[in-house]
């Protein structure tokens, strides 16, 4: 984990407290801040801080936004972000969105807007932010008595055809149910007849998905999230959801952020009489004849097969009213709804839950 800079700051009641001041914010792995807490987030951004509750020991800590340079949003319905994006631009804060755009409408595994509405949202976000700033996730890929591998591929094809010119990447995961107690308990409580993936099925799905990407000329980079299985032979890589290289591509001219990330932006030398100069291995090209070499480092505090770099997550578990049947972030639907109601009664508190 990164030891973020500490600052002292005045809070709402006038007290001076010590706060973490991260440059990179994750909003959030723990709940859908764009869908349900966008008003809260941008209010707290204006106030300059919020309070985060540690899910393991309940301890509260303060997070300052004074030094924030980049935000990664995670959402199944990020439409509420649209009227707020100008605030990020005005504050010179860059962002991208991990947009989980699944199709489990017929099976009712998620409480989200209609698929057509969510695809429209995706396109509206790309129009405002740009193609590389909205990443498509179909996550998780879940097998049940009523959802086969071919069913999943049909769902992916339908969405992929519509997003062909709107994203660079498709990220997915295989639903690992048994190892996540919350997920297994939530599915069993709702009577969902789920199936675990085996290696043969994973390989079959990867092969067919890769062929679909090629045959339909999507040209997406396909990646898995947090998966042990190595399926690079199908052109499918391990993803970095908090992706240092993507952050650099999108914010390379932010000197403060590049210094923090220890990234050096170089100019491509001009051609000589002997031809184009040879660039070092691992070069990633940038606009205006510039390049950098990846210095991406994995966050040691994440899961074994997670490739994300360090960021400060500001969300809280048990606060997401999507009520997905396979949810890993809510212990029960009842607790999530109770916390959502508590938030509604105190919308702009320094914590998401208002307590």
Protein backbone atom coordinates (compact mmCIF):
# COMPACT_ATOMS: atom_id res chain seq x y z
CA UNK A 1 0.00 0.00 0.00
CA UNK A 2 1.15 3.57 -0.67
CA UNK A 3 1.99 5.75 2.32
CA UNK A 4 0.19 8.84 1.08
CA UNK A 5 1.27 12.33 2.08
CA UNK A 6 -0.25 13.51 5.35
CA UNK A 7 -1.66 17.01 5.75
CA UNK A 8 -3.50 18.86 8.50
CA UNK A 9 -6.89 20.26 7.57
CA UNK A 10 -9.92 21.85 9.18
CA UNK A 11 -13.11 19.73 9.16
CA UNK A 12 -16.74 20.85 9.23
CA UNK A 13 -16.83 21.45 13.00
CA UNK A 14 -13.65 23.56 12.90
CA UNK A 15 -11.32 20.93 14.33
CA UNK A 16 -7.88 20.50 12.74
CA UNK A 17 -7.17 16.85 11.95
CA UNK A 18 -4.49 14.84 10.16
CA UNK A 19 -5.55 13.42 6.78
CA UNK A 20 -4.22 11.22 4.01
CA UNK A 21 -3.83 13.24 0.81
CA UNK A 22 -3.75 10.72 -2.06
CA UNK A 23 -3.09 11.71 -5.65
CA UNK A 24 -5.03 8.74 -7.08
CA UNK A 25 -8.58 8.00 -5.87
CA UNK A 26 -10.62 4.85 -6.50
CA UNK A 27 -14.38 5.51 -6.39
CA UNK A 28 -14.97 2.68 -5.71
CA UNK A 29 -14.45 -1.08 -5.53
CA UNK A 30 -16.72 -1.18 -2.47
CA UNK A 31 -19.87 0.48 -3.77
CA UNK A 32 -21.27 2.25 -6.84
CA UNK A 33 -20.43 5.87 -6.09
CA UNK A 34 -21.33 7.22 -9.58
CA UNK A 35 -24.79 5.59 -9.58
CA UNK A 36 -25.87 6.38 -6.01
CA UNK A 37 -23.44 8.81 -4.43
CA UNK A 38 -22.35 11.20 -7.20
CA UNK A 39 -23.96 14.18 -5.39
CA UNK A 40 -22.15 13.17 -2.20
CA UNK A 41 -18.78 12.71 -3.92
CA UNK A 42 -18.75 16.07 -5.69
CA UNK A 43 -20.00 17.85 -2.56
CA UNK A 44 -17.21 16.26 -0.54
CA UNK A 45 -14.71 17.10 -3.31
CA UNK A 46 -15.75 20.74 -2.96
CA UNK A 47 -15.47 20.56 0.84
CA UNK A 48 -12.02 19.05 0.38
CA UNK A 49 -12.28 15.81 2.31
CA UNK A 50 -14.38 12.80 3.28
CA UNK A 51 -14.17 10.08 5.91
CA UNK A 52 -13.46 6.43 5.15
CA UNK A 53 -14.35 3.53 7.45
CA UNK A 54 -11.97 0.57 7.53
CA UNK A 55 -14.08 -2.57 6.79
CA UNK A 56 -11.90 -4.78 9.00
CA UNK A 57 -11.71 -2.81 12.24
CA UNK A 58 -14.30 -0.03 11.85
CA UNK A 59 -11.69 2.68 12.36
CA UNK A 60 -12.41 5.98 10.62
CA UNK A 61 -9.77 7.98 8.76
CA UNK A 62 -9.84 11.27 6.90
CA UNK A 63 -9.10 11.54 3.17
CA UNK A 64 -8.15 14.95 1.79
CA UNK A 65 -8.73 15.82 -1.87
CA UNK A 66 -6.27 18.72 -1.84
CA UNK A 67 -3.66 16.80 -3.83
CA UNK A 68 -5.98 14.59 -5.92
CA UNK A 69 -4.91 14.44 -9.56
CA UNK A 70 -6.74 11.35 -10.87
CA UNK A 71 -9.99 9.49 -10.11
CA UNK A 72 -10.93 6.02 -11.31
CA UNK A 73 -14.69 5.55 -11.17
CA UNK A 74 -16.32 2.09 -11.03
CA UNK A 75 -19.99 1.82 -11.91
CA UNK A 76 -22.90 -0.11 -13.41
CA UNK A 77 -24.79 3.11 -14.05
CA UNK A 78 -22.47 6.13 -14.29
CA UNK A 79 -25.06 8.40 -15.95
CA UNK A 80 -25.28 10.63 -12.81
CA UNK A 81 -21.65 11.63 -13.47
CA UNK A 82 -22.53 13.42 -16.71
CA UNK A 83 -23.53 16.80 -15.20
CA UNK A 84 -20.47 16.80 -12.92
CA UNK A 85 -17.61 15.99 -15.30
CA UNK A 86 -16.94 19.67 -15.98
CA UNK A 87 -15.98 20.06 -12.30
CA UNK A 88 -13.13 17.61 -12.74
CA UNK A 89 -11.92 19.49 -15.80
CA UNK A 90 -12.08 22.80 -13.94
CA UNK A 91 -9.99 21.34 -11.10
CA UNK A 92 -7.51 19.72 -13.51
CA UNK A 93 -8.39 16.26 -12.20
CA UNK A 94 -8.22 13.50 -14.79
CA UNK A 95 -10.36 10.36 -14.72
CA UNK A 96 -11.45 7.21 -16.43
CA UNK A 97 -14.43 4.93 -15.81
CA UNK A 98 -14.55 1.18 -15.27
CA UNK A 99 -18.08 0.67 -16.63
CA UNK A 100 -19.60 -2.71 -15.78
CA UNK A 101 -22.09 -3.19 -18.60
CA UNK A 102 -23.54 -6.68 -18.24
CA UNK A 103 -26.70 -8.20 -19.68
CA UNK A 104 -28.54 -10.18 -17.06
CA UNK A 105 -31.90 -8.53 -17.74
CA UNK A 106 -33.85 -11.71 -18.46
CA UNK A 107 -32.37 -13.45 -15.44
CA UNK A 108 -32.88 -10.41 -13.15
CA UNK A 109 -29.52 -10.79 -11.48
CA UNK A 110 -29.03 -7.00 -11.20
CA UNK A 111 -31.25 -4.02 -10.42
CA UNK A 112 -29.94 -1.63 -13.07
CA UNK A 113 -31.50 0.48 -15.86
CA UNK A 114 -32.49 -1.21 -19.09
CA UNK A 115 -29.62 -2.37 -21.29
CA UNK A 116 -30.44 0.13 -24.06
CA UNK A 117 -30.27 2.97 -21.54
CA UNK A 118 -26.91 1.78 -20.20
CA UNK A 119 -25.44 1.49 -23.70
CA UNK A 120 -26.64 5.02 -24.43
CA UNK A 121 -24.93 6.17 -21.21
CA UNK A 122 -21.69 4.54 -22.34
CA UNK A 123 -21.77 6.46 -25.61
CA UNK A 124 -22.62 9.76 -23.91
CA UNK A 125 -19.66 9.34 -21.57
CA UNK A 126 -17.32 8.61 -24.47
CA UNK A 127 -18.56 11.72 -26.26
CA UNK A 128 -17.58 13.81 -23.22
CA UNK A 129 -14.45 12.01 -22.05
CA UNK A 130 -13.00 10.25 -25.08
CA UNK A 131 -12.79 6.62 -26.14
CA UNK A 132 -9.89 5.51 -23.95
CA UNK A 133 -11.49 6.83 -20.78
CA UNK A 134 -14.45 4.43 -20.65
CA UNK A 135 -13.51 0.76 -20.18
CA UNK A 136 -16.14 -1.90 -20.82
CA UNK A 137 -16.43 -4.61 -18.18
CA UNK A 138 -18.68 -7.65 -18.49
CA UNK A 139 -18.07 -8.80 -14.95
CA UNK A 140 -18.62 -11.41 -13.73
CA UNK A 141 -19.32 -14.07 -16.32
CA UNK A 142 -21.68 -16.29 -14.36
CA UNK A 143 -22.92 -19.77 -15.28
CA UNK A 144 -26.27 -21.03 -14.01
CA UNK A 145 -28.86 -23.61 -14.97
CA UNK A 146 -30.24 -20.91 -17.29
CA UNK A 147 -27.02 -19.28 -18.54
CA UNK A 148 -24.61 -21.33 -20.65
CA UNK A 149 -21.29 -20.38 -22.24
CA UNK A 150 -23.06 -19.80 -25.54
CA UNK A 151 -25.65 -17.62 -23.81
CA UNK A 152 -22.86 -15.46 -22.37
CA UNK A 153 -21.19 -15.18 -25.75
CA UNK A 154 -24.47 -14.05 -27.35
CA UNK A 155 -24.86 -11.39 -24.67
CA UNK A 156 -21.28 -10.18 -25.19
CA UNK A 157 -21.74 -10.10 -28.97
CA UNK A 158 -24.87 -7.98 -28.71
CA UNK A 159 -23.16 -5.37 -26.53
CA UNK A 160 -19.81 -5.58 -28.33
CA UNK A 161 -21.37 -4.83 -31.70
CA UNK A 162 -22.86 -1.65 -30.22
CA UNK A 163 -19.65 -0.54 -28.48
CA UNK A 164 -17.30 -1.38 -31.36
CA UNK A 165 -16.18 2.20 -31.92
CA UNK A 166 -16.56 3.40 -28.33
CA UNK A 167 -13.97 1.55 -26.24
CA UNK A 168 -10.49 0.11 -26.43
CA UNK A 169 -10.88 -2.71 -23.96
CA UNK A 170 -13.19 -5.46 -22.68
CA UNK A 171 -12.50 -6.74 -19.16
CA UNK A 172 -14.18 -9.82 -17.70
CA UNK A 173 -13.83 -12.30 -14.87
CA UNK A 174 -15.11 -15.81 -14.35
CA UNK A 175 -17.48 -15.88 -11.38
CA UNK A 176 -15.40 -17.46 -8.60
CA UNK A 177 -18.18 -18.32 -6.19
CA UNK A 178 -16.97 -20.87 -3.68
CA UNK A 179 -13.97 -18.82 -2.53
CA UNK A 180 -16.08 -15.73 -1.79
CA UNK A 181 -18.38 -16.47 1.13
CA UNK A 182 -20.57 -13.40 0.60
CA UNK A 183 -21.12 -14.25 -3.07
CA UNK A 184 -21.99 -17.88 -2.35
CA UNK A 185 -24.30 -16.94 0.53
CA UNK A 186 -26.08 -14.25 -1.49
CA UNK A 187 -26.67 -16.55 -4.48
CA UNK A 188 -27.91 -19.38 -2.29
CA UNK A 189 -30.20 -17.03 -0.35
CA UNK A 190 -31.84 -15.98 -3.62
CA UNK A 191 -32.08 -19.54 -4.96
CA UNK A 192 -29.81 -18.89 -7.96
CA UNK A 193 -28.72 -22.27 -9.45
CA UNK A 194 -25.11 -21.27 -10.07
CA UNK A 195 -22.25 -23.35 -11.48
CA UNK A 196 -18.53 -23.01 -10.87
CA UNK A 197 -16.30 -22.61 -13.92
CA UNK A 198 -13.77 -25.35 -14.60
CA UNK A 199 -10.54 -24.98 -16.58
CA UNK A 200 -11.98 -26.60 -19.73
CA UNK A 201 -14.92 -24.19 -19.75
CA UNK A 202 -12.64 -21.20 -19.15
CA UNK A 203 -10.46 -22.19 -22.10
CA UNK A 204 -13.49 -22.75 -24.33
CA UNK A 205 -14.97 -19.37 -23.45
CA UNK A 206 -11.64 -17.58 -23.96
CA UNK A 207 -11.13 -19.21 -27.36
CA UNK A 208 -14.60 -18.31 -28.59
CA UNK A 209 -14.47 -14.78 -27.20
CA UNK A 210 -11.12 -14.15 -28.85
CA UNK A 211 -12.45 -15.45 -32.18
CA UNK A 212 -15.51 -13.19 -31.85
CA UNK A 213 -13.31 -10.18 -31.22
CA UNK A 214 -11.30 -10.98 -34.35
CA UNK A 215 -14.14 -12.03 -36.65
CA UNK A 216 -16.36 -9.06 -35.79
CA UNK A 217 -13.39 -6.68 -36.09
CA UNK A 218 -13.94 -5.15 -32.66
CA UNK A 219 -10.19 -4.95 -32.06
CA UNK A 220 -10.70 -4.73 -28.30
CA UNK A 221 -7.87 -5.53 -25.95
CA UNK A 222 -9.45 -8.33 -23.91
CA UNK A 223 -8.32 -8.82 -20.32
CA UNK A 224 -9.28 -10.81 -17.22
CA UNK A 225 -9.68 -9.25 -13.79
CA UNK A 226 -8.00 -11.01 -10.86
CA UNK A 227 -7.87 -14.42 -12.55
CA UNK A 228 -5.18 -17.03 -11.94
CA UNK A 229 -5.64 -18.76 -15.30
CA UNK A 230 -3.17 -17.78 -18.02
CA UNK A 231 -5.02 -17.45 -21.34
CA UNK A 232 -2.54 -15.26 -23.19
CA UNK A 233 -2.46 -17.76 -26.03
CA UNK A 234 -5.91 -16.39 -26.94
CA UNK A 235 -4.62 -12.81 -26.80
CA UNK A 236 -6.25 -12.25 -23.39
CA UNK A 237 -4.04 -10.53 -20.82
CA UNK A 238 -4.28 -9.96 -17.05
CA UNK A 239 -5.93 -6.61 -16.46
CA UNK A 240 -4.88 -3.65 -14.36
CA UNK A 241 -8.10 -1.93 -13.35
CA UNK A 242 -6.13 0.83 -11.62
CA UNK A 243 -3.75 0.99 -14.55
CA UNK A 244 -0.57 3.03 -14.19
CA UNK A 245 0.12 2.96 -17.92
CA UNK A 246 -3.38 4.13 -18.83
CA UNK A 247 -3.15 6.89 -16.22
CA UNK A 248 0.09 8.09 -17.84
CA UNK A 249 -1.42 7.92 -21.33
CA UNK A 250 -4.32 10.12 -20.18
CA UNK A 251 -2.43 12.51 -17.89
CA UNK A 252 1.16 12.54 -19.16
CA UNK A 253 1.31 16.33 -19.12
CA UNK A 254 0.48 16.47 -15.37
CA UNK A 255 3.98 17.04 -13.98
CA UNK A 256 3.00 16.56 -10.34
CA UNK A 257 1.35 13.22 -11.04
CA UNK A 258 4.21 12.01 -13.24
CA UNK A 259 6.73 12.89 -10.52
CA UNK A 260 4.68 10.94 -7.98
CA UNK A 261 4.47 7.94 -10.31
CA UNK A 262 8.20 8.25 -11.15
CA UNK A 263 7.45 8.40 -14.87
CA UNK A 264 9.78 10.27 -17.18
CA UNK A 265 8.26 11.64 -20.38
CA UNK A 266 10.76 11.64 -23.23
CA UNK A 267 10.79 13.22 -26.68
CA UNK A 268 11.36 10.95 -29.67
CA UNK A 269 14.62 12.06 -31.28
CA UNK A 270 14.44 13.46 -34.78
CA UNK A 271 15.48 11.17 -37.65
CA UNK A 272 19.12 11.38 -38.68
CA UNK A 273 20.93 10.63 -41.92
CA UNK A 274 21.07 7.04 -40.73
CA UNK A 275 17.30 6.77 -40.31
CA UNK A 276 14.85 6.70 -37.41
CA UNK A 277 16.58 6.36 -34.02
CA UNK A 278 15.93 3.11 -32.18
CA UNK A 279 13.75 3.46 -29.07
CA UNK A 280 14.22 1.43 -25.87
CA UNK A 281 12.23 -1.76 -25.22
CA UNK A 282 8.85 -1.30 -23.56
CA UNK A 283 8.17 2.12 -25.06
CA UNK A 284 4.59 3.44 -24.93
CA UNK A 285 3.95 6.21 -27.43
CA UNK A 286 2.26 9.48 -26.51
CA UNK A 287 0.97 12.47 -28.50
CA UNK A 288 3.31 15.22 -29.73
CA UNK A 289 6.20 12.88 -30.48
CA UNK A 290 6.67 11.76 -26.89
CA UNK A 291 6.95 8.42 -25.14
CA UNK A 292 7.46 6.79 -21.75
CA UNK A 293 8.59 3.45 -20.40
CA UNK A 294 6.19 1.69 -18.03
CA UNK A 295 7.00 1.85 -14.33
CA UNK A 296 3.71 0.25 -13.28
CA UNK A 297 3.97 -1.37 -9.85
CA UNK A 298 1.37 -3.70 -8.36
CA UNK A 299 -0.34 -2.67 -5.12
CA UNK A 300 0.84 -5.28 -2.62
CA UNK A 301 -2.34 -4.77 -0.60
CA UNK A 302 -4.57 -6.26 -3.32
CA UNK A 303 -5.44 -9.88 -4.14
CA UNK A 304 -2.72 -12.20 -5.39
CA UNK A 305 -3.75 -12.01 -9.05
CA UNK A 306 -4.80 -8.36 -9.05
CA UNK A 307 -2.45 -6.20 -11.12
CA UNK A 308 -3.74 -2.78 -9.95
CA UNK A 309 -1.37 -0.05 -8.84
CA UNK A 310 -1.93 1.67 -5.50
CA UNK A 311 -4.84 4.07 -5.06
CA UNK A 312 -7.00 5.22 -2.16
CA UNK A 313 -10.47 3.71 -2.25
CA UNK A 314 -13.08 5.97 -0.64
CA UNK A 315 -16.12 3.68 -0.74
CA UNK A 316 -17.73 1.51 1.93
CA UNK A 317 -19.09 -2.01 1.79
CA UNK A 318 -22.78 -2.71 2.50
CA UNK A 319 -23.92 0.49 0.79
CA UNK A 320 -24.82 -0.55 -2.78
CA UNK A 321 -28.56 -0.64 -3.67
CA UNK A 322 -28.02 -2.39 -7.02
CA UNK A 323 -28.61 -5.56 -4.95
CA UNK A 324 -26.91 -7.82 -7.49
CA UNK A 325 -27.58 -11.45 -6.67
CA UNK A 326 -23.86 -12.29 -6.94
CA UNK A 327 -22.70 -9.27 -4.89
CA UNK A 328 -19.37 -9.48 -3.03
CA UNK A 329 -19.70 -6.02 -1.42
CA UNK A 330 -22.97 -6.43 0.52
CA UNK A 331 -23.28 -8.88 3.38
CA UNK A 332 -27.07 -8.82 2.94
CA UNK A 333 -29.54 -6.78 0.91
CA UNK A 334 -31.22 -5.61 4.13
CA UNK A 335 -28.03 -4.04 5.50
CA UNK A 336 -27.30 -2.33 2.17
CA UNK A 337 -30.80 -0.83 2.02
CA UNK A 338 -30.62 0.32 5.64
CA UNK A 339 -27.37 2.15 4.92
CA UNK A 340 -28.82 3.63 1.72
CA UNK A 341 -31.79 4.98 3.71
CA UNK A 342 -29.41 6.38 6.34
CA UNK A 343 -27.50 8.16 3.57
CA UNK A 344 -30.74 9.60 2.19
CA UNK A 345 -31.40 11.19 5.57
CA UNK A 346 -27.93 12.78 5.70
CA UNK A 347 -26.81 13.05 2.08
CA UNK A 348 -23.76 15.25 2.47
CA UNK A 349 -22.20 13.88 5.64
CA UNK A 350 -18.48 13.27 5.63
CA UNK A 351 -19.14 9.51 5.42
CA UNK A 352 -21.20 7.75 2.76
CA UNK A 353 -23.51 6.21 5.35
CA UNK A 354 -24.02 9.43 7.30
CA UNK A 355 -22.92 7.85 10.55
